Amino acid sequence: QVQLVESGGGLVQPGGSLRLSCTASGLTFSRYILAWFRQAPGKEREFVAAIHRSRNTYYADSVKGRFTVSRDNNRNTVELQMNSLKPEDTAVYYCAADQNLILSSIRTQSQYDFWGQGTQVTVSS
């Protein structure tokens, strides 16, 4: 049974930083593409960042230069370092995993088979 468990969310002031982690179990982690999505209140869930098996990374324009996604295949963990946070980054952040999606679909949430339960990030003064 595949499980993804996020942690690291919380309340931070604008301009601050947070580091989210997602630990996976029940899968051969190194074979999976890992991604972060987020959903703000009243909005659709949107792509944030992804890291391929090859360790190539992909970002939404809104977070490029501020967020960094990384993976540790030894610890079955994917992390999202978020710097220069803005109030508009407030959302529930989800990690997702899939083994077989094609590269052109890496930003498409419907292509991911496995999801975590989410962790709340609130950016406010």
Foldseek 3Di string as FASTA:
>chain_A
DKAKAKDWADEAAQQAKTKMKIAIDDDQLLLKKKFKWWDDPPGDIWGAKIAHSVRDIDGDPVQPPFKDWDDDSVRRMIMIIGGNDDQVVWTWMKMFIDRDDDPVCSGPPVRTDDIHPTDTHGYHD
